[in-house]
Amino acid sequence: MLTLRAAWRAASRKLDAASRALLVRSPNFRGIALQSAPDIEYRLLRLLDHLPTTPTEIMLHPGYDDPVLAAQDPYRHEREREVAALCSAGVRERLTRGDIRLVTFRDLV
C-alpha cells in the first residue's frame, strides 16, 4: 500500500490543472485492497461501513469474462466476482440505509 501511495503521489505531480481539480472533488480513494480479494463482498461491505464523511471514489473493475477480454486482460474471473458482489442482496441492502449517497463526478462540481 505504501508503494502504491508513493506511485500515486509521483504520478499526481505531473497532472495538469484541470485533472488536479477533478481529483480534489473526490479526496478519498478506495478499492486497491479489494482487487483479487476472494471475499470481496465482505470487504466491500466493511468498506461501506467505514467510509469517511467526505466524497470517496471506490474503484472496482466489474465485468464479464469473454474471449475479447481474455485476449486483452488477465484480470478476468475477478471482474465477475466484483459484479456478483456489487449486485448482491447484502450490498444493495447496505446502500439503502441512507448514510451513503451514490453520485458521479458531475454531482461534485
PDB file of N, CA and C in Angstrom:
ATOM      1  N   MET A   1       0.828  -1.190   0.000  1.00  0.00           N
ATOM      2  CA  MET A   1       0.000   0.000   0.000  1.00  0.00           C
ATOM      3  C   MET A   1       0.875   1.256   0.000  1.00  0.00           C
ATOM      4  N   LEU A   2       1.979   1.210   0.737  1.00  0.00           N
ATOM      5  CA  LEU A   2       2.868   2.373   0.760  1.00  0.00           C
ATOM      6  C   LEU A   2       3.460   2.641  -0.616  1.00  0.00           C
ATOM      7  N   THR A   3       3.810   1.578  -1.322  1.00  0.00           N
ATOM      8  CA  THR A   3       4.357   1.730  -2.667  1.00  0.00           C
ATOM      9  C   THR A   3       3.317   2.332  -3.600  1.00  0.00           C
ATOM     10  N   LEU A   4       2.086   1.856  -3.500  1.00  0.00           N
ATOM     11  CA  LEU A   4       1.018   2.401  -4.341  1.00  0.00           C
ATOM     12  C   LEU A   4       0.774   3.870  -4.046  1.00  0.00           C
ATOM     13  N   ARG A   5       0.774   4.236  -2.780  1.00  0.00           N
ATOM     14  CA  ARG A   5       0.569   5.648  -2.428  1.00  0.00           C
ATOM     15  C   ARG A   5       1.699   6.521  -2.946  1.00  0.00           C
ATOM     16  N   ALA A   6       2.917   6.048  -2.838  1.00  0.00           N
ATOM     17  CA  ALA A   6       4.065   6.811  -3.346  1.00  0.00           C
ATOM     18  C   ALA A   6       3.971   6.974  -4.863  1.00  0.00           C
ATOM     19  N   ALA A   7       3.597   5.905  -5.552  1.00  0.00           N
ATOM     20  CA  ALA A   7       3.450   5.975  -7.005  1.00  0.00           C
ATOM     21  C   ALA A   7       2.334   6.940  -7.388  1.00  0.00           C
ATOM     22  N   TRP A   8       1.244   6.917  -6.646  1.00  0.00           N
ATOM     23  CA  TRP A   8       0.105   7.815  -6.906  1.00  0.00           C
ATOM     24  C   TRP A   8       0.541   9.272  -6.736  1.00  0.00           C
ATOM     25  N   ARG A   9       1.266   9.556  -5.663  1.00  0.00           N
ATOM     26  CA  ARG A   9       1.742  10.925  -5.434  1.00  0.00           C
ATOM     27  C   ARG A   9       2.669  11.380  -6.554  1.00  0.00           C
ATOM     28  N   ALA A  10       3.566  10.517  -6.954  1.00  0.00           N
ATOM     29  CA  ALA A  10       4.507  10.868  -8.023  1.00  0.00           C
ATOM     30  C   ALA A  10       3.761  11.132  -9.331  1.00  0.00           C
ATOM     31  N   ALA A  11       2.814  10.287  -9.659  1.00  0.00           N
ATOM     32  CA  ALA A  11       2.047  10.468 -10.891  1.00  0.00           C
ATOM     33  C   ALA A  11       1.187  11.721 -10.825  1.00  0.00           C
ATOM     34  N   SER A  12       0.645  12.032  -9.659  1.00  0.00           N
ATOM     35  CA  SER A  12      -0.233  13.191  -9.495  1.00  0.00           C
ATOM     36  C   SER A  12       0.500  14.502  -9.727  1.00  0.00           C
ATOM     37  N   ARG A  13       1.788  14.530  -9.446  1.00  0.00           N
ATOM     38  CA  ARG A  13       2.568  15.765  -9.641  1.00  0.00           C
ATOM     39  C   ARG A  13       2.619  16.189 -11.103  1.00  0.00           C
ATOM     40  N   LYS A  14       2.430  15.248 -12.014  1.00  0.00           N
ATOM     41  CA  LYS A  14       2.539  15.545 -13.442  1.00  0.00           C
ATOM     42  C   LYS A  14       1.198  15.905 -14.085  1.00  0.00           C
ATOM     43  N   LEU A  15       0.140  15.965 -13.299  1.00  0.00           N
ATOM     44  CA  LEU A  15      -1.182  16.260 -13.835  1.00  0.00           C
ATOM     45  C   LEU A  15      -1.327  17.739 -14.177  1.00  0.00           C
ATOM     46  N   ASP A  16      -2.132  18.014 -15.190  1.00  0.00           N
ATOM     47  CA  ASP A  16      -2.435  19.405 -15.494  1.00  0.00           C
ATOM     48  C   ASP A  16      -3.460  19.932 -14.494  1.00  0.00           C
ATOM     49  N   ALA A  17      -3.712  21.227 -14.526  1.00  0.00           N
ATOM     50  CA  ALA A  17      -4.587  21.863 -13.537  1.00  0.00           C
ATOM     51  C   ALA A  17      -6.008  21.295 -13.569  1.00  0.00           C
ATOM     52  N   ALA A  18      -6.536  21.029 -14.754  1.00  0.00           N
ATOM     53  CA  ALA A  18      -7.900  20.509 -14.859  1.00  0.00           C
ATOM     54  C   ALA A  18      -8.004  19.117 -14.235  1.00  0.00           C
ATOM     55  N   SER A  19      -7.028  18.275 -14.478  1.00  0.00           N
ATOM     56  CA  SER A  19      -7.037  16.926 -13.903  1.00  0.00           C
ATOM     57  C   SER A  19      -6.872  16.983 -12.392  1.00  0.00           C
ATOM     58  N   ARG A  20      -6.025  17.876 -11.926  1.00  0.00           N
ATOM     59  CA  ARG A  20      -5.829  18.029 -10.483  1.00  0.00           C
ATOM     60  C   ARG A  20      -7.122  18.495  -9.807  1.00  0.00           C
ATOM     61  N   ALA A  21      -7.854  19.406 -10.470  1.00  0.00           N
ATOM     62  CA  ALA A  21      -9.129  19.890  -9.933  1.00  0.00           C
ATOM     63  C   ALA A  21     -10.136  18.750  -9.826  1.00  0.00           C
ATOM     64  N   LEU A  22     -10.129  17.837 -10.786  1.00  0.00           N
ATOM     65  CA  LEU A  22     -11.029  16.679 -10.738  1.00  0.00           C
ATOM     66  C   LEU A  22     -10.719  15.803  -9.527  1.00  0.00           C
ATOM     67  N   LEU A  23      -9.447  15.583  -9.246  1.00  0.00           N
ATOM     68  CA  LEU A  23      -9.062  14.773  -8.087  1.00  0.00           C
ATOM     69  C   LEU A  23      -9.489  15.411  -6.776  1.00  0.00           C
ATOM     70  N   VAL A  24      -9.476  16.728  -6.710  1.00  0.00           N
ATOM     71  CA  VAL A  24      -9.862  17.426  -5.487  1.00  0.00           C
ATOM     72  C   VAL A  24     -11.336  17.168  -5.150  1.00  0.00           C
ATOM     73  N   ARG A  25     -12.147  16.947  -6.170  1.00  0.00           N
ATOM     74  CA  ARG A  25     -13.575  16.698  -5.934  1.00  0.00           C
ATOM     75  C   ARG A  25     -13.818  15.410  -5.163  1.00  0.00           C
ATOM     76  N   SER A  26     -12.949  14.459  -5.292  1.00  0.00           N
ATOM     77  CA  SER A  26     -13.071  13.192  -4.586  1.00  0.00           C
ATOM     78  C   SER A  26     -11.781  12.953  -3.812  1.00  0.00           C
ATOM     79  N   PRO A  27     -11.694  13.529  -2.612  1.00  0.00           N
ATOM     80  CA  PRO A  27     -10.423  13.487  -1.882  1.00  0.00           C
ATOM     81  C   PRO A  27     -10.043  12.108  -1.351  1.00  0.00           C
ATOM     82  N   ASN A  28     -10.950  11.180  -1.334  1.00  0.00           N
ATOM     83  CA  ASN A  28     -10.657   9.842  -0.814  1.00  0.00           C
ATOM     84  C   ASN A  28     -10.817   8.815  -1.926  1.00  0.00           C
ATOM     85  N   PHE A  29      -9.914   7.872  -1.944  1.00  0.00           N
ATOM     86  CA  PHE A  29      -9.916   6.840  -2.977  1.00  0.00           C
ATOM     87  C   PHE A  29      -9.750   5.497  -2.284  1.00  0.00           C
ATOM     88  N   ARG A  30     -10.622   4.550  -2.590  1.00  0.00           N
ATOM     89  CA  ARG A  30     -10.550   3.220  -2.009  1.00  0.00           C
ATOM     90  C   ARG A  30     -10.749   2.182  -3.114  1.00  0.00           C
ATOM     91  N   GLY A  31     -10.266   0.989  -2.873  1.00  0.00           N
ATOM     92  CA  GLY A  31     -10.518  -0.094  -3.805  1.00  0.00           C
ATOM     93  C   GLY A  31      -9.326  -0.967  -4.102  1.00  0.00           C
ATOM     94  N   ILE A  32      -8.129  -0.454  -3.916  1.00  0.00           N
ATOM     95  CA  ILE A  32      -6.943  -1.247  -4.220  1.00  0.00           C
ATOM     96  C   ILE A  32      -6.968  -2.553  -3.429  1.00  0.00           C
ATOM     97  N   ALA A  33      -7.344  -2.489  -2.170  1.00  0.00           N
ATOM     98  CA  ALA A  33      -7.355  -3.688  -1.325  1.00  0.00           C
ATOM     99  C   ALA A  33      -8.457  -4.672  -1.710  1.00  0.00           C
ATOM    100  N   LEU A  34      -9.396  -4.242  -2.551  1.00  0.00           N
ATOM    101  CA  LEU A  34     -10.465  -5.136  -2.996  1.00  0.00           C
ATOM    102  C   LEU A  34     -10.040  -5.992  -4.187  1.00  0.00           C
ATOM    103  N   GLN A  35      -9.022  -5.542  -4.913  1.00  0.00           N
ATOM    104  CA  GLN A  35      -8.611  -6.266  -6.117  1.00  0.00           C
ATOM    105  C   GLN A  35      -8.203  -7.695  -5.793  1.00  0.00           C
ATOM    106  N   SER A  36      -8.776  -8.616  -6.519  1.00  0.00           N
ATOM    107  CA  SER A  36      -8.487 -10.054  -6.416  1.00  0.00           C
ATOM    108  C   SER A  36      -8.848 -10.665  -5.072  1.00  0.00           C
ATOM    109  N   ALA A  37      -9.580  -9.947  -4.241  1.00  0.00           N
ATOM    110  CA  ALA A  37      -9.950 -10.481  -2.930  1.00  0.00           C
ATOM    111  C   ALA A  37     -10.980 -11.597  -3.102  1.00  0.00           C
ATOM    112  N   PRO A  38     -10.716 -12.777  -2.555  1.00  0.00           N
ATOM    113  CA  PRO A  38     -11.699 -13.866  -2.670  1.00  0.00           C
ATOM    114  C   PRO A  38     -12.974 -13.569  -1.884  1.00  0.00           C
ATOM    115  N   ASP A  39     -12.864 -12.710  -0.864  1.00  0.00           N
ATOM    116  CA  ASP A  39     -14.007 -12.338  -0.036  1.00  0.00           C
ATOM    117  C   ASP A  39     -14.434 -10.899  -0.324  1.00  0.00           C
ATOM    118  N   ILE A  40     -14.533 -10.558  -1.601  1.00  0.00           N
ATOM    119  CA  ILE A  40     -14.764  -9.168  -1.996  1.00  0.00           C
ATOM    120  C   ILE A  40     -16.065  -8.598  -1.442  1.00  0.00           C
ATOM    121  N   GLU A  41     -17.130  -9.378  -1.397  1.00  0.00           N
ATOM    122  CA  GLU A  41     -18.387  -8.836  -0.871  1.00  0.00           C
ATOM    123  C   GLU A  41     -18.220  -8.441   0.597  1.00  0.00           C
ATOM    124  N   TYR A  42     -17.607  -9.295   1.377  1.00  0.00           N
ATOM    125  CA  TYR A  42     -17.364  -8.990   2.787  1.00  0.00           C
ATOM    126  C   TYR A  42     -16.518  -7.727   2.928  1.00  0.00           C
ATOM    127  N   ARG A  43     -15.446  -7.627   2.147  1.00  0.00           N
ATOM    128  CA  ARG A  43     -14.573  -6.454   2.228  1.00  0.00           C
ATOM    129  C   ARG A  43     -15.280  -5.186   1.761  1.00  0.00           C
ATOM    130  N   LEU A  44     -16.094  -5.302   0.727  1.00  0.00           N
ATOM    131  CA  LEU A  44     -16.839  -4.154   0.235  1.00  0.00           C
ATOM    132  C   LEU A  44     -17.828  -3.669   1.296  1.00  0.00           C
ATOM    133  N   LEU A  45     -18.511  -4.591   1.933  1.00  0.00           N
ATOM    134  CA  LEU A  45     -19.443  -4.204   3.000  1.00  0.00           C
ATOM    135  C   LEU A  45     -18.715  -3.525   4.151  1.00  0.00           C
ATOM    136  N   ARG A  46     -17.570  -4.036   4.532  1.00  0.00           N
ATOM    137  CA  ARG A  46     -16.767  -3.391   5.598  1.00  0.00           C
ATOM    138  C   ARG A  46     -16.334  -1.999   5.168  1.00  0.00           C
ATOM    139  N   LEU A  47     -15.923  -1.870   3.913  1.00  0.00           N
ATOM    140  CA  LEU A  47     -15.528  -0.570   3.392  1.00  0.00           C
ATOM    141  C   LEU A  47     -16.698   0.412   3.474  1.00  0.00           C
ATOM    142  N   LEU A  48     -17.867  -0.021   3.043  1.00  0.00           N
ATOM    143  CA  LEU A  48     -19.043   0.851   3.085  1.00  0.00           C
ATOM    144  C   LEU A  48     -19.393   1.266   4.512  1.00  0.00           C
ATOM    145  N   ASP A  49     -19.144   0.389   5.460  1.00  0.00           N
ATOM    146  CA  ASP A  49     -19.418   0.706   6.859  1.00  0.00           C
ATOM    147  C   ASP A  49     -18.421   1.693   7.453  1.00  0.00           C
ATOM    148  N   HIS A  50     -17.276   1.893   6.803  1.00  0.00           N
ATOM    149  CA  HIS A  50     -16.223   2.739   7.372  1.00  0.00           C
ATOM    150  C   HIS A  50     -15.797   3.866   6.435  1.00  0.00           C
ATOM    151  N   LEU A  51     -16.691   4.314   5.586  1.00  0.00           N
ATOM    152  CA  LEU A  51     -16.357   5.408   4.675  1.00  0.00           C
ATOM    153  C   LEU A  51     -16.213   6.718   5.439  1.00  0.00           C
ATOM    154  N   PRO A  52     -15.308   7.586   4.981  1.00  0.00           N
ATOM    155  CA  PRO A  52     -15.244   8.926   5.574  1.00  0.00           C
ATOM    156  C   PRO A  52     -16.494   9.716   5.176  1.00  0.00           C
ATOM    157  N   THR A  53     -16.706  10.837   5.807  1.00  0.00           N
ATOM    158  CA  THR A  53     -17.899  11.636   5.508  1.00  0.00           C
ATOM    159  C   THR A  53     -17.728  12.500   4.266  1.00  0.00           C
ATOM    160  N   THR A  54     -16.516  12.586   3.754  1.00  0.00           N
ATOM    161  CA  THR A  54     -16.268  13.352   2.533  1.00  0.00           C
ATOM    162  C   THR A  54     -16.371  12.425   1.317  1.00  0.00           C
ATOM    163  N   PRO A  55     -16.529  12.988   0.113  1.00  0.00           N
ATOM    164  CA  PRO A  55     -16.668  12.135  -1.073  1.00  0.00           C
ATOM    165  C   PRO A  55     -15.521  11.127  -1.199  1.00  0.00           C
ATOM    166  N   THR A  56     -15.890   9.923  -1.568  1.00  0.00           N
ATOM    167  CA  THR A  56     -14.921   8.841  -1.700  1.00  0.00           C
ATOM    168  C   THR A  56     -15.176   8.096  -3.001  1.00  0.00           C
ATOM    169  N   GLU A  57     -14.140   7.947  -3.787  1.00  0.00           N
ATOM    170  CA  GLU A  57     -14.231   7.152  -5.004  1.00  0.00           C
ATOM    171  C   GLU A  57     -13.861   5.717  -4.654  1.00  0.00           C
ATOM    172  N   ILE A  58     -14.723   4.777  -5.032  1.00  0.00           N
ATOM    173  CA  ILE A  58     -14.444   3.358  -4.824  1.00  0.00           C
ATOM    174  C   ILE A  58     -14.171   2.745  -6.199  1.00  0.00           C
ATOM    175  N   MET A  59     -12.982   2.202  -6.356  1.00  0.00           N
ATOM    176  CA  MET A  59     -12.571   1.641  -7.635  1.00  0.00           C
ATOM    177  C   MET A  59     -12.815   0.137  -7.661  1.00  0.00           C
ATOM    178  N   LEU A  60     -13.554  -0.293  -8.643  1.00  0.00           N
ATOM    179  CA  LEU A  60     -13.726  -1.710  -8.951  1.00  0.00           C
ATOM    180  C   LEU A  60     -13.660  -1.845 -10.468  1.00  0.00           C
ATOM    181  N   HIS A  61     -13.504  -3.064 -10.931  1.00  0.00           N
ATOM    182  CA  HIS A  61     -13.469  -3.329 -12.370  1.00  0.00           C
ATOM    183  C   HIS A  61     -14.465  -4.445 -12.696  1.00  0.00           C
ATOM    184  N   PRO A  62     -15.742  -4.230 -12.461  1.00  0.00           N
ATOM    185  CA  PRO A  62     -16.710  -5.298 -12.724  1.00  0.00           C
ATOM    186  C   PRO A  62     -16.849  -5.560 -14.219  1.00  0.00           C
ATOM    187  N   GLY A  63     -17.157  -6.793 -14.538  1.00  0.00           N
ATOM    188  CA  GLY A  63     -17.359  -7.155 -15.929  1.00  0.00           C
ATOM    189  C   GLY A  63     -17.565  -8.642 -16.075  1.00  0.00           C
ATOM    190  N   TYR A  64     -17.722  -9.059 -17.302  1.00  0.00           N
ATOM    191  CA  TYR A  64     -17.950 -10.469 -17.598  1.00  0.00           C
ATOM    192  C   TYR A  64     -16.835 -10.985 -18.496  1.00  0.00           C
ATOM    193  N   ASP A  65     -16.372 -12.166 -18.193  1.00  0.00           N
ATOM    194  CA  ASP A  65     -15.304 -12.782 -18.961  1.00  0.00           C
ATOM    195  C   ASP A  65     -15.834 -13.228 -20.320  1.00  0.00           C
ATOM    196  N   ASP A  66     -15.079 -12.939 -21.356  1.00  0.00           N
ATOM    197  CA  ASP A  66     -15.397 -13.404 -22.702  1.00  0.00           C
ATOM    198  C   ASP A  66     -14.096 -13.471 -23.499  1.00  0.00           C
ATOM    199  N   PRO A  67     -14.123 -13.991 -24.702  1.00  0.00           N
ATOM    200  CA  PRO A  67     -12.880 -14.139 -25.470  1.00  0.00           C
ATOM    201  C   PRO A  67     -12.151 -12.818 -25.734  1.00  0.00           C
ATOM    202  N   VAL A  68     -12.883 -11.734 -25.933  1.00  0.00           N
ATOM    203  CA  VAL A  68     -12.241 -10.439 -26.174  1.00  0.00           C
ATOM    204  C   VAL A  68     -11.464 -10.006 -24.940  1.00  0.00           C
ATOM    205  N   LEU A  69     -12.099 -10.088 -23.780  1.00  0.00           N
ATOM    206  CA  LEU A  69     -11.414  -9.726 -22.543  1.00  0.00           C
ATOM    207  C   LEU A  69     -10.233 -10.649 -22.297  1.00  0.00           C
ATOM    208  N   ALA A  70     -10.425 -11.933 -22.536  1.00  0.00           N
ATOM    209  CA  ALA A  70      -9.350 -12.909 -22.317  1.00  0.00           C
ATOM    210  C   ALA A  70      -8.113 -12.582 -23.150  1.00  0.00           C
ATOM    211  N   ALA A  71      -8.312 -12.028 -24.328  1.00  0.00           N
ATOM    212  CA  ALA A  71      -7.195 -11.678 -25.196  1.00  0.00           C
ATOM    213  C   ALA A  71      -6.491 -10.392 -24.760  1.00  0.00           C
ATOM    214  N   GLN A  72      -7.153  -9.605 -23.913  1.00  0.00           N
ATOM    215  CA  GLN A  72      -6.612  -8.292 -23.560  1.00  0.00           C
ATOM    216  C   GLN A  72      -6.170  -8.146 -22.117  1.00  0.00           C
ATOM    217  N   ASP A  73      -6.726  -8.953 -21.220  1.00  0.00           N
ATOM    218  CA  ASP A  73      -6.526  -8.660 -19.807  1.00  0.00           C
ATOM    219  C   ASP A  73      -6.566  -9.941 -18.976  1.00  0.00           C
ATOM    220  N   PRO A  74      -5.580 -10.165 -18.138  1.00  0.00           N
ATOM    221  CA  PRO A  74      -5.611 -11.349 -17.283  1.00  0.00           C
ATOM    222  C   PRO A  74      -6.559 -11.205 -16.093  1.00  0.00           C
ATOM    223  N   TYR A  75      -7.008  -9.994 -15.808  1.00  0.00           N
ATOM    224  CA  TYR A  75      -7.934  -9.754 -14.691  1.00  0.00           C
ATOM    225  C   TYR A  75      -9.346 -10.032 -15.197  1.00  0.00           C
ATOM    226  N   ARG A  76      -9.742 -11.309 -15.188  1.00  0.00           N
ATOM    227  CA  ARG A  76     -10.987 -11.720 -15.818  1.00  0.00           C
ATOM    228  C   ARG A  76     -11.993 -12.279 -14.832  1.00  0.00           C
ATOM    229  N   HIS A  77     -11.676 -13.370 -14.175  1.00  0.00           N
ATOM    230  CA  HIS A  77     -12.627 -14.004 -13.261  1.00  0.00           C
ATOM    231  C   HIS A  77     -12.910 -13.096 -12.074  1.00  0.00           C
ATOM    232  N   GLU A  78     -11.928 -12.279 -11.707  1.00  0.00           N
ATOM    233  CA  GLU A  78     -12.108 -11.329 -10.615  1.00  0.00           C
ATOM    234  C   GLU A  78     -13.204 -10.324 -10.942  1.00  0.00           C
ATOM    235  N   ARG A  79     -13.305  -9.949 -12.215  1.00  0.00           N
ATOM    236  CA  ARG A  79     -14.334  -8.995 -12.629  1.00  0.00           C
ATOM    237  C   ARG A  79     -15.736  -9.554 -12.376  1.00  0.00           C
ATOM    238  N   GLU A  80     -15.905 -10.834 -12.644  1.00  0.00           N
ATOM    239  CA  GLU A  80     -17.216 -11.447 -12.423  1.00  0.00           C
ATOM    240  C   GLU A  80     -17.547 -11.509 -10.934  1.00  0.00           C
ATOM    241  N   ARG A  81     -16.536 -11.742 -10.103  1.00  0.00           N
ATOM    242  CA  ARG A  81     -16.779 -11.722  -8.650  1.00  0.00           C
ATOM    243  C   ARG A  81     -17.161 -10.319  -8.189  1.00  0.00           C
ATOM    244  N   GLU A  82     -16.573  -9.303  -8.821  1.00  0.00           N
ATOM    245  CA  GLU A  82     -16.920  -7.928  -8.469  1.00  0.00           C
ATOM    246  C   GLU A  82     -18.365  -7.618  -8.864  1.00  0.00           C
ATOM    247  N   VAL A  83     -18.795  -8.069 -10.038  1.00  0.00           N
ATOM    248  CA  VAL A  83     -20.195  -7.886 -10.442  1.00  0.00           C
ATOM    249  C   VAL A  83     -21.116  -8.540  -9.419  1.00  0.00           C
ATOM    250  N   ALA A  84     -20.804  -9.777  -9.050  1.00  0.00           N
ATOM    251  CA  ALA A  84     -21.643 -10.501  -8.084  1.00  0.00           C
ATOM    252  C   ALA A  84     -21.703  -9.768  -6.755  1.00  0.00           C
ATOM    253  N   ALA A  85     -20.581  -9.239  -6.299  1.00  0.00           N
ATOM    254  CA  ALA A  85     -20.567  -8.508  -5.025  1.00  0.00           C
ATOM    255  C   ALA A  85     -21.394  -7.234  -5.124  1.00  0.00           C
ATOM    256  N   LEU A  86     -21.209  -6.479  -6.192  1.00  0.00           N
ATOM    257  CA  LEU A  86     -21.953  -5.227  -6.340  1.00  0.00           C
ATOM    258  C   LEU A  86     -23.457  -5.446  -6.462  1.00  0.00           C
ATOM    259  N   CYS A  87     -23.851  -6.566  -7.036  1.00  0.00           N
ATOM    260  CA  CYS A  87     -25.273  -6.863  -7.235  1.00  0.00           C
ATOM    261  C   CYS A  87     -25.864  -7.700  -6.103  1.00  0.00           C
ATOM    262  N   SER A  88     -25.073  -8.030  -5.115  1.00  0.00           N
ATOM    263  CA  SER A  88     -25.554  -8.902  -4.039  1.00  0.00           C
ATOM    264  C   SER A  88     -26.624  -8.224  -3.199  1.00  0.00           C
ATOM    265  N   ALA A  89     -27.451  -9.045  -2.605  1.00  0.00           N
ATOM    266  CA  ALA A  89     -28.508  -8.524  -1.724  1.00  0.00           C
ATOM    267  C   ALA A  89     -27.907  -7.764  -0.548  1.00  0.00           C
ATOM    268  N   GLY A  90     -26.789  -8.240  -0.028  1.00  0.00           N
ATOM    269  CA  GLY A  90     -26.163  -7.577   1.110  1.00  0.00           C
ATOM    270  C   GLY A  90     -25.691  -6.175   0.793  1.00  0.00           C
ATOM    271  N   VAL A  91     -25.053  -5.988  -0.355  1.00  0.00           N
ATOM    272  CA  VAL A  91     -24.578  -4.662  -0.739  1.00  0.00           C
ATOM    273  C   VAL A  91     -25.760  -3.763  -1.084  1.00  0.00           C
ATOM    274  N   ARG A  92     -26.746  -4.284  -1.792  1.00  0.00           N
ATOM    275  CA  ARG A  92     -27.936  -3.474  -2.101  1.00  0.00           C
ATOM    276  C   ARG A  92     -28.616  -3.009  -0.822  1.00  0.00           C
ATOM    277  N   GLU A  93     -28.765  -3.915   0.137  1.00  0.00           N
ATOM    278  CA  GLU A  93     -29.397  -3.545   1.410  1.00  0.00           C
ATOM    279  C   GLU A  93     -28.558  -2.494   2.128  1.00  0.00           C
ATOM    280  N   ARG A  94     -27.256  -2.654   2.118  1.00  0.00           N
ATOM    281  CA  ARG A  94     -26.382  -1.703   2.821  1.00  0.00           C
ATOM    282  C   ARG A  94     -26.518  -0.307   2.239  1.00  0.00           C
ATOM    283  N   LEU A  95     -26.672  -0.211   0.934  1.00  0.00           N
ATOM    284  CA  LEU A  95     -26.787   1.093   0.288  1.00  0.00           C
ATOM    285  C   LEU A  95     -28.141   1.766   0.530  1.00  0.00           C
ATOM    286  N   THR A  96     -29.120   1.031   1.021  1.00  0.00           N
ATOM    287  CA  THR A  96     -30.438   1.623   1.278  1.00  0.00           C
ATOM    288  C   THR A  96     -30.568   2.213   2.679  1.00  0.00           C
ATOM    289  N   ARG A  97     -29.565   2.118   3.491  1.00  0.00           N
ATOM    290  CA  ARG A  97     -29.653   2.638   4.869  1.00  0.00           C
ATOM    291  C   ARG A  97     -29.740   4.154   4.943  1.00  0.00           C
ATOM    292  N   GLY A  98     -29.339   4.843   3.898  1.00  0.00           N
ATOM    293  CA  GLY A  98     -29.486   6.292   3.859  1.00  0.00           C
ATOM    294  C   GLY A  98     -28.251   7.081   4.261  1.00  0.00           C
ATOM    295  N   ASP A  99     -27.195   6.423   4.669  1.00  0.00           N
ATOM    296  CA  ASP A  99     -25.994   7.160   5.073  1.00  0.00           C
ATOM    297  C   ASP A  99     -24.954   7.257   3.955  1.00  0.00           C
ATOM    298  N   ILE A 100     -25.244   6.654   2.808  1.00  0.00           N
ATOM    299  CA  ILE A 100     -24.351   6.709   1.647  1.00  0.00           C
ATOM    300  C   ILE A 100     -25.168   7.194   0.455  1.00  0.00           C
ATOM    301  N   ARG A 101     -24.609   8.136  -0.276  1.00  0.00           N
ATOM    302  CA  ARG A 101     -25.270   8.643  -1.475  1.00  0.00           C
ATOM    303  C   ARG A 101     -24.362   8.386  -2.665  1.00  0.00           C
ATOM    304  N   LEU A 102     -24.846   7.641  -3.636  1.00  0.00           N
ATOM    305  CA  LEU A 102     -24.069   7.376  -4.853  1.00  0.00           C
ATOM    306  C   LEU A 102     -24.194   8.580  -5.794  1.00  0.00           C
ATOM    307  N   VAL A 103     -23.042   9.062  -6.276  1.00  0.00           N
ATOM    308  CA  VAL A 103     -23.024  10.231  -7.158  1.00  0.00           C
ATOM    309  C   VAL A 103     -21.992   9.994  -8.262  1.00  0.00           C
ATOM    310  N   THR A 104     -22.010  10.890  -9.232  1.00  0.00           N
ATOM    311  CA  THR A 104     -20.995  10.924 -10.271  1.00  0.00           C
ATOM    312  C   THR A 104     -20.082  12.117  -9.989  1.00  0.00           C
ATOM    313  N   PHE A 105     -18.963  12.201 -10.696  1.00  0.00           N
ATOM    314  CA  PHE A 105     -18.088  13.365 -10.531  1.00  0.00           C
ATOM    315  C   PHE A 105     -18.827  14.660 -10.874  1.00  0.00           C
ATOM    316  N   ARG A 106     -19.731  14.601 -11.820  1.00  0.00           N
ATOM    317  CA  ARG A 106     -20.507  15.779 -12.203  1.00  0.00           C
ATOM    318  C   ARG A 106     -21.303  16.325 -11.005  1.00  0.00           C
ATOM    319  N   ASP A 107     -21.781  15.435 -10.139  1.00  0.00           N
ATOM    320  CA  ASP A 107     -22.540  15.864  -8.972  1.00  0.00           C
ATOM    321  C   ASP A 107     -21.672  16.594  -7.948  1.00  0.00           C
ATOM    322  N   LEU A 108     -20.368  16.454  -8.054  1.00  0.00           N
ATOM    323  CA  LEU A 108     -19.460  17.034  -7.060  1.00  0.00           C
ATOM    324  C   LEU A 108     -18.945  18.415  -7.452  1.00  0.00           C
ATOM    325  N   VAL A 109     -19.444  18.961  -8.552  1.00  0.00           N
ATOM    326  CA  VAL A 109     -18.985  20.288  -9.019  1.00  0.00           C
ATOM    327  C   VAL A 109     -19.430  21.352  -8.050  1.00  0.00           C
TER     328      VAL A 109
END
